Amino acid sequence: MNRRTLIVLLGAFLVLTVSFLSACGKAAEPTTALPSEQPAQGQPTQPPRSTSPAVEATPAPPTEQPALIEGETLVQERCTVCHGLSRIQQASKTEDEWRRTVARMVGKGADLNEAEQAIVIQYLTETYGR
């Protein structure tokens, strides 16, 4: 390797290393609070009251059902101890097939009680079912 090639390679390595380290080492910039705005003279300090009857706000529906969130957590914590998540994600099974798979995994030592098994089966069927 001649000297010119070595210098080019070292320069490229240095540029890549510096850009990688600068991307990884960025800290969150502190945000400063904006001063609160004072109401202009003549503006009311409280919003005007509505004369229409009060309407109760309805809570927004959750983005995911709690059982699905719990199922995802159980799969992450209990199933990926022995194998990767990609193995689960690549499978496309019916509910009955997932039920048999979960039972087989429990037989091999997966730590799931009956209630947790039902949650995992529901999650797997809804997320990776066919």
N, C-alpha and C. Protein backbone atom coordinates (compact mmCIF):
# COMPACT_ATOMS: atom_id res chain seq x y z
N MET A 1 0.87 -1.17 0.00
CA MET A 1 0.00 0.00 0.00
C MET A 1 0.91 1.23 0.00
N ASN A 2 0.66 2.12 -0.91
CA ASN A 2 1.53 3.29 -0.97
C ASN A 2 1.07 4.35 0.03
N ARG A 3 1.89 5.32 0.20
CA ARG A 3 1.68 6.35 1.21
C ARG A 3 0.40 7.16 0.95
N ARG A 4 0.13 7.48 -0.29
CA ARG A 4 -1.04 8.29 -0.64
C ARG A 4 -2.33 7.54 -0.28
N THR A 5 -2.41 6.25 -0.59
CA THR A 5 -3.59 5.44 -0.27
C THR A 5 -3.79 5.37 1.23
N LEU A 6 -2.71 5.20 1.96
CA LEU A 6 -2.79 5.13 3.42
C LEU A 6 -3.32 6.44 4.00
N ILE A 7 -2.88 7.55 3.50
CA ILE A 7 -3.35 8.85 3.99
C ILE A 7 -4.83 9.04 3.68
N VAL A 8 -5.26 8.65 2.49
CA VAL A 8 -6.68 8.77 2.12
C VAL A 8 -7.54 7.89 3.03
N LEU A 9 -7.11 6.66 3.25
CA LEU A 9 -7.88 5.75 4.11
C LEU A 9 -7.94 6.25 5.54
N LEU A 10 -6.83 6.74 6.07
CA LEU A 10 -6.83 7.27 7.43
C LEU A 10 -7.72 8.51 7.54
N GLY A 11 -7.69 9.36 6.53
CA GLY A 11 -8.55 10.54 6.53
C GLY A 11 -10.03 10.16 6.50
N ALA A 12 -10.38 9.19 5.66
CA ALA A 12 -11.78 8.74 5.60
C ALA A 12 -12.20 8.12 6.92
N PHE A 13 -11.31 7.32 7.51
CA PHE A 13 -11.61 6.71 8.81
C PHE A 13 -11.83 7.78 9.87
N LEU A 14 -10.98 8.78 9.87
CA LEU A 14 -11.09 9.86 10.85
C LEU A 14 -12.41 10.62 10.68
N VAL A 15 -12.80 10.92 9.45
CA VAL A 15 -14.06 11.63 9.19
C VAL A 15 -15.24 10.79 9.66
N LEU A 16 -15.24 9.51 9.33
CA LEU A 16 -16.34 8.63 9.75
C LEU A 16 -16.41 8.51 11.27
N THR A 17 -15.26 8.38 11.91
CA THR A 17 -15.24 8.26 13.37
C THR A 17 -15.77 9.52 14.03
N VAL A 18 -15.33 10.67 13.57
CA VAL A 18 -15.78 11.93 14.16
C VAL A 18 -17.28 12.12 13.95
N SER A 19 -17.77 11.82 12.75
CA SER A 19 -19.21 12.00 12.52
C SER A 19 -20.03 11.01 13.34
N PHE A 20 -19.55 9.79 13.51
CA PHE A 20 -20.26 8.80 14.33
C PHE A 20 -20.29 9.26 15.79
N LEU A 21 -19.15 9.68 16.31
CA LEU A 21 -19.10 10.11 17.70
C LEU A 21 -19.92 11.36 17.94
N SER A 22 -19.93 12.26 16.99
CA SER A 22 -20.73 13.48 17.19
C SER A 22 -22.22 13.17 17.15
N ALA A 23 -22.62 12.21 16.34
CA ALA A 23 -24.04 11.83 16.28
C ALA A 23 -24.46 11.10 17.55
N CYS A 24 -23.57 10.29 18.09
CA CYS A 24 -23.91 9.52 19.30
C CYS A 24 -23.82 10.36 20.56
N GLY A 25 -23.00 11.37 20.55
CA GLY A 25 -22.76 12.12 21.77
C GLY A 25 -23.59 13.37 21.95
N LYS A 26 -24.56 13.60 21.09
CA LYS A 26 -25.37 14.81 21.23
C LYS A 26 -26.25 14.70 22.45
N ALA A 27 -26.16 15.69 23.31
CA ALA A 27 -27.02 15.74 24.49
C ALA A 27 -28.23 16.60 24.16
N ALA A 28 -29.28 16.33 24.87
CA ALA A 28 -30.49 17.13 24.67
C ALA A 28 -30.19 18.56 25.08
N GLU A 29 -30.55 19.49 24.22
CA GLU A 29 -30.31 20.89 24.53
C GLU A 29 -31.34 21.36 25.54
N PRO A 30 -30.88 22.09 26.55
CA PRO A 30 -31.85 22.57 27.54
C PRO A 30 -32.80 23.56 26.90
N THR A 31 -34.02 23.44 27.26
CA THR A 31 -35.01 24.38 26.74
C THR A 31 -35.26 25.45 27.79
N THR A 32 -35.46 26.65 27.31
CA THR A 32 -35.74 27.74 28.24
C THR A 32 -37.21 28.06 28.15
N ALA A 33 -37.77 28.33 29.27
CA ALA A 33 -39.19 28.66 29.32
C ALA A 33 -39.40 30.08 28.81
N LEU A 34 -40.40 30.24 28.01
CA LEU A 34 -40.73 31.56 27.51
C LEU A 34 -41.41 32.35 28.62
N PRO A 35 -41.12 33.63 28.72
CA PRO A 35 -41.80 34.41 29.75
C PRO A 35 -43.30 34.43 29.47
N SER A 36 -44.05 34.35 30.52
CA SER A 36 -45.51 34.33 30.32
C SER A 36 -45.95 35.68 29.80
N GLU A 37 -46.89 35.62 28.89
CA GLU A 37 -47.37 36.85 28.28
C GLU A 37 -48.38 37.51 29.21
N GLN A 38 -48.23 38.78 29.34
CA GLN A 38 -49.16 39.55 30.14
C GLN A 38 -50.31 39.97 29.24
N PRO A 39 -51.55 39.89 29.73
CA PRO A 39 -52.67 40.33 28.90
C PRO A 39 -52.55 41.82 28.61
N ALA A 40 -52.86 42.18 27.39
CA ALA A 40 -52.82 43.59 27.01
C ALA A 40 -53.88 44.34 27.79
N GLN A 41 -53.62 45.62 27.98
CA GLN A 41 -54.56 46.41 28.75
C GLN A 41 -55.89 46.45 28.02
N GLY A 42 -56.94 46.20 28.75
CA GLY A 42 -58.27 46.20 28.18
C GLY A 42 -58.75 44.80 27.83
N GLN A 43 -57.85 43.80 27.85
CA GLN A 43 -58.27 42.43 27.58
C GLN A 43 -58.68 41.78 28.89
N PRO A 44 -59.70 40.94 28.86
CA PRO A 44 -60.09 40.26 30.08
C PRO A 44 -59.02 39.25 30.48
N THR A 45 -58.86 39.06 31.79
CA THR A 45 -57.85 38.12 32.26
C THR A 45 -58.38 36.69 32.28
N GLN A 46 -59.70 36.53 32.21
CA GLN A 46 -60.29 35.21 32.17
C GLN A 46 -61.07 35.07 30.87
N PRO A 47 -61.15 33.86 30.35
CA PRO A 47 -61.92 33.69 29.12
C PRO A 47 -63.39 33.94 29.38
N PRO A 48 -64.13 34.42 28.38
CA PRO A 48 -65.55 34.67 28.57
C PRO A 48 -66.28 33.35 28.84
N ARG A 49 -67.30 33.44 29.65
CA ARG A 49 -68.08 32.25 29.98
C ARG A 49 -69.05 31.94 28.87
N SER A 50 -69.21 30.68 28.63
CA SER A 50 -70.12 30.24 27.58
C SER A 50 -71.53 30.18 28.15
N THR A 51 -72.50 30.55 27.33
CA THR A 51 -73.89 30.48 27.77
C THR A 51 -74.52 29.15 27.40
N SER A 52 -73.82 28.34 26.60
CA SER A 52 -74.37 27.03 26.23
C SER A 52 -74.15 26.06 27.38
N PRO A 53 -75.01 25.03 27.46
CA PRO A 53 -74.86 24.08 28.55
C PRO A 53 -73.53 23.34 28.46
N ALA A 54 -73.01 22.98 29.62
CA ALA A 54 -71.72 22.29 29.67
C ALA A 54 -71.86 20.89 29.09
N VAL A 55 -70.89 20.52 28.31
CA VAL A 55 -70.86 19.19 27.71
C VAL A 55 -69.68 18.45 28.32
N GLU A 56 -69.96 17.24 28.83
CA GLU A 56 -68.88 16.47 29.43
C GLU A 56 -67.97 15.95 28.33
N ALA A 57 -66.70 16.05 28.60
CA ALA A 57 -65.73 15.53 27.64
C ALA A 57 -65.65 14.02 27.76
N THR A 58 -65.65 13.37 26.63
CA THR A 58 -65.52 11.92 26.65
C THR A 58 -64.05 11.58 26.46
N PRO A 59 -63.54 10.65 27.24
CA PRO A 59 -62.12 10.31 27.09
C PRO A 59 -61.86 9.65 25.74
N ALA A 60 -60.70 9.94 25.21
CA ALA A 60 -60.33 9.35 23.93
C ALA A 60 -60.13 7.85 24.11
N PRO A 61 -60.53 7.07 23.12
CA PRO A 61 -60.33 5.63 23.25
C PRO A 61 -58.84 5.32 23.27
N PRO A 62 -58.44 4.31 24.04
CA PRO A 62 -57.01 3.97 24.08
C PRO A 62 -56.54 3.52 22.71
N THR A 63 -55.27 3.79 22.43
CA THR A 63 -54.74 3.42 21.12
C THR A 63 -54.61 1.92 20.98
N GLU A 64 -54.34 1.23 22.06
CA GLU A 64 -54.29 -0.22 22.03
C GLU A 64 -55.05 -0.75 23.23
N GLN A 65 -55.63 -1.92 23.08
CA GLN A 65 -56.34 -2.52 24.19
C GLN A 65 -55.34 -2.94 25.25
N PRO A 66 -55.70 -2.82 26.54
CA PRO A 66 -54.77 -3.20 27.60
C PRO A 66 -54.28 -4.64 27.48
N ALA A 67 -55.14 -5.56 27.06
CA ALA A 67 -54.72 -6.96 26.93
C ALA A 67 -53.62 -7.10 25.88
N LEU A 68 -53.71 -6.31 24.80
CA LEU A 68 -52.68 -6.38 23.77
C LEU A 68 -51.36 -5.82 24.28
N ILE A 69 -51.43 -4.74 25.05
CA ILE A 69 -50.21 -4.16 25.61
C ILE A 69 -49.59 -5.15 26.58
N GLU A 70 -50.42 -5.75 27.44
CA GLU A 70 -49.91 -6.73 28.39
C GLU A 70 -49.37 -7.95 27.65
N GLY A 71 -50.05 -8.36 26.58
CA GLY A 71 -49.58 -9.50 25.79
C GLY A 71 -48.23 -9.23 25.17
N GLU A 72 -48.07 -8.02 24.64
CA GLU A 72 -46.78 -7.65 24.05
C GLU A 72 -45.68 -7.68 25.10
N THR A 73 -45.99 -7.16 26.29
CA THR A 73 -45.01 -7.15 27.38
C THR A 73 -44.64 -8.57 27.78
N LEU A 74 -45.64 -9.44 27.91
CA LEU A 74 -45.37 -10.83 28.28
C LEU A 74 -44.50 -11.52 27.23
N VAL A 75 -44.80 -11.30 25.97
CA VAL A 75 -44.00 -11.91 24.91
C VAL A 75 -42.56 -11.40 25.00
N GLN A 76 -42.39 -10.09 25.18
CA GLN A 76 -41.04 -9.52 25.29
C GLN A 76 -40.28 -10.08 26.48
N GLU A 77 -40.96 -10.19 27.62
CA GLU A 77 -40.28 -10.60 28.85
C GLU A 77 -40.11 -12.10 28.98
N ARG A 78 -41.07 -12.88 28.51
CA ARG A 78 -41.04 -14.32 28.78
C ARG A 78 -40.61 -15.15 27.57
N CYS A 79 -41.02 -14.75 26.39
CA CYS A 79 -40.75 -15.59 25.21
C CYS A 79 -39.36 -15.35 24.63
N THR A 80 -38.92 -14.10 24.67
CA THR A 80 -37.64 -13.79 24.05
C THR A 80 -36.46 -14.17 24.94
N VAL A 81 -36.73 -14.78 26.08
CA VAL A 81 -35.65 -15.29 26.92
C VAL A 81 -34.93 -16.42 26.18
N CYS A 82 -35.70 -17.24 25.47
CA CYS A 82 -35.14 -18.41 24.79
C CYS A 82 -34.88 -18.19 23.30
N HIS A 83 -35.63 -17.33 22.66
CA HIS A 83 -35.44 -17.10 21.22
C HIS A 83 -35.79 -15.66 20.90
N GLY A 84 -35.34 -15.23 19.74
CA GLY A 84 -35.55 -13.84 19.34
C GLY A 84 -36.98 -13.54 18.93
N LEU A 85 -37.33 -12.27 18.98
CA LEU A 85 -38.66 -11.82 18.60
C LEU A 85 -38.92 -12.05 17.11
N SER A 86 -37.88 -12.01 16.30
CA SER A 86 -38.07 -12.19 14.86
C SER A 86 -38.65 -13.56 14.54
N ARG A 87 -38.34 -14.54 15.34
CA ARG A 87 -38.90 -15.88 15.13
C ARG A 87 -40.42 -15.86 15.29
N ILE A 88 -40.90 -15.09 16.26
CA ILE A 88 -42.33 -14.96 16.49
C ILE A 88 -42.97 -14.14 15.38
N GLN A 89 -42.31 -13.05 15.01
CA GLN A 89 -42.85 -12.14 14.00
C GLN A 89 -42.97 -12.80 12.64
N GLN A 90 -42.12 -13.76 12.34
CA GLN A 90 -42.15 -14.42 11.05
C GLN A 90 -43.23 -15.50 10.97
N ALA A 91 -43.70 -15.96 12.13
CA ALA A 91 -44.73 -17.01 12.14
C ALA A 91 -46.09 -16.38 11.87
N SER A 92 -46.90 -17.08 11.13
CA SER A 92 -48.27 -16.65 10.87
C SER A 92 -49.15 -17.85 11.16
N LYS A 93 -49.81 -17.83 12.32
CA LYS A 93 -50.55 -19.00 12.77
C LYS A 93 -51.98 -18.64 13.14
N THR A 94 -52.83 -19.64 13.13
CA THR A 94 -54.20 -19.47 13.59
C THR A 94 -54.20 -19.48 15.11
N GLU A 95 -55.34 -19.15 15.70
CA GLU A 95 -55.43 -19.15 17.17
C GLU A 95 -55.10 -20.53 17.73
N ASP A 96 -55.63 -21.57 17.11
CA ASP A 96 -55.37 -22.93 17.60
C ASP A 96 -53.88 -23.27 17.49
N GLU A 97 -53.24 -22.85 16.42
CA GLU A 97 -51.80 -23.11 16.26
C GLU A 97 -50.98 -22.35 17.30
N TRP A 98 -51.39 -21.10 17.59
CA TRP A 98 -50.69 -20.34 18.63
C TRP A 98 -50.91 -21.00 20.00
N ARG A 99 -52.12 -21.50 20.24
CA ARG A 99 -52.42 -22.17 21.50
C ARG A 99 -51.49 -23.39 21.69
N ARG A 100 -51.34 -24.19 20.63
CA ARG A 100 -50.46 -25.36 20.71
C ARG A 100 -49.00 -24.95 20.88
N THR A 101 -48.60 -23.89 20.19
CA THR A 101 -47.22 -23.41 20.31
C THR A 101 -46.93 -22.93 21.72
N VAL A 102 -47.84 -22.15 22.30
CA VAL A 102 -47.65 -21.65 23.66
C VAL A 102 -47.61 -22.81 24.65
N ALA A 103 -48.50 -23.79 24.48
CA ALA A 103 -48.49 -24.96 25.37
C ALA A 103 -47.16 -25.71 25.26
N ARG A 104 -46.64 -25.84 24.04
CA ARG A 104 -45.35 -26.52 23.85
C ARG A 104 -44.22 -25.74 24.53
N MET A 105 -44.27 -24.40 24.43
CA MET A 105 -43.23 -23.58 25.05
C MET A 105 -43.30 -23.65 26.58
N VAL A 106 -44.52 -23.70 27.12
CA VAL A 106 -44.68 -23.85 28.57
C VAL A 106 -44.11 -25.20 28.99
N GLY A 107 -44.34 -26.23 28.19
CA GLY A 107 -43.77 -27.55 28.46
C GLY A 107 -42.25 -27.54 28.44
N LYS A 108 -41.67 -26.61 27.69
CA LYS A 108 -40.20 -26.50 27.61
C LYS A 108 -39.65 -25.55 28.67
N GLY A 109 -40.55 -24.96 29.49
CA GLY A 109 -40.07 -24.12 30.58
C GLY A 109 -40.47 -22.67 30.53
N ALA A 110 -41.27 -22.25 29.57
CA ALA A 110 -41.72 -20.85 29.54
C ALA A 110 -42.55 -20.57 30.80
N ASP A 111 -42.25 -19.47 31.46
CA ASP A 111 -42.89 -19.13 32.73
C ASP A 111 -44.17 -18.32 32.49
N LEU A 112 -45.27 -19.04 32.21
CA LEU A 112 -46.57 -18.41 31.97
C LEU A 112 -47.64 -19.20 32.69
N ASN A 113 -48.42 -18.51 33.55
CA ASN A 113 -49.56 -19.20 34.17
C ASN A 113 -50.71 -19.23 33.15
N GLU A 114 -51.83 -19.84 33.53
CA GLU A 114 -52.93 -20.01 32.57
C GLU A 114 -53.49 -18.68 32.08
N ALA A 115 -53.65 -17.71 32.99
CA ALA A 115 -54.18 -16.40 32.58
C ALA A 115 -53.21 -15.70 31.63
N GLU A 116 -51.92 -15.78 31.92
CA GLU A 116 -50.92 -15.16 31.05
C GLU A 116 -50.87 -15.86 29.69
N GLN A 117 -51.05 -17.17 29.69
CA GLN A 117 -51.08 -17.91 28.43
C GLN A 117 -52.22 -17.41 27.55
N ALA A 118 -53.39 -17.20 28.15
CA ALA A 118 -54.55 -16.72 27.38
C ALA A 118 -54.27 -15.33 26.80
N ILE A 119 -53.62 -14.47 27.57
CA ILE A 119 -53.30 -13.12 27.10
C ILE A 119 -52.30 -13.19 25.95
N VAL A 120 -51.28 -14.03 26.11
CA VAL A 120 -50.26 -14.17 25.07
C VAL A 120 -50.88 -14.73 23.78
N ILE A 121 -51.73 -15.74 23.92
CA ILE A 121 -52.38 -16.33 22.75
C ILE A 121 -53.24 -15.29 22.03
N GLN A 122 -53.99 -14.50 22.79
CA GLN A 122 -54.81 -13.45 22.18
C GLN A 122 -53.93 -12.44 21.44
N TYR A 123 -52.86 -12.01 22.09
CA TYR A 123 -51.95 -11.04 21.48
C TYR A 123 -51.33 -11.60 20.19
N LEU A 124 -50.82 -12.83 20.27
CA LEU A 124 -50.17 -13.44 19.11
C LEU A 124 -51.16 -13.62 17.96
N THR A 125 -52.39 -14.03 18.28
CA THR A 125 -53.40 -14.24 17.25
C THR A 125 -53.77 -12.92 16.57
N GLU A 126 -53.96 -11.86 17.37
CA GLU A 126 -54.36 -10.57 16.80
C GLU A 126 -53.22 -9.87 16.08
N THR A 127 -51.99 -10.12 16.53
CA THR A 127 -50.84 -9.43 15.94
C THR A 127 -50.20 -10.22 14.81
N TYR A 128 -50.06 -11.53 15.00
CA TYR A 128 -49.35 -12.35 14.02
C TYR A 128 -50.22 -13.50 13.49
N GLY A 129 -51.52 -13.39 13.64
CA GLY A 129 -52.41 -14.46 13.19
C GLY A 129 -52.72 -14.39 11.71
N ARG A 130 -53.25 -15.48 11.23
CA ARG A 130 -53.68 -15.47 9.82
C ARG A 130 -55.15 -15.71 9.74
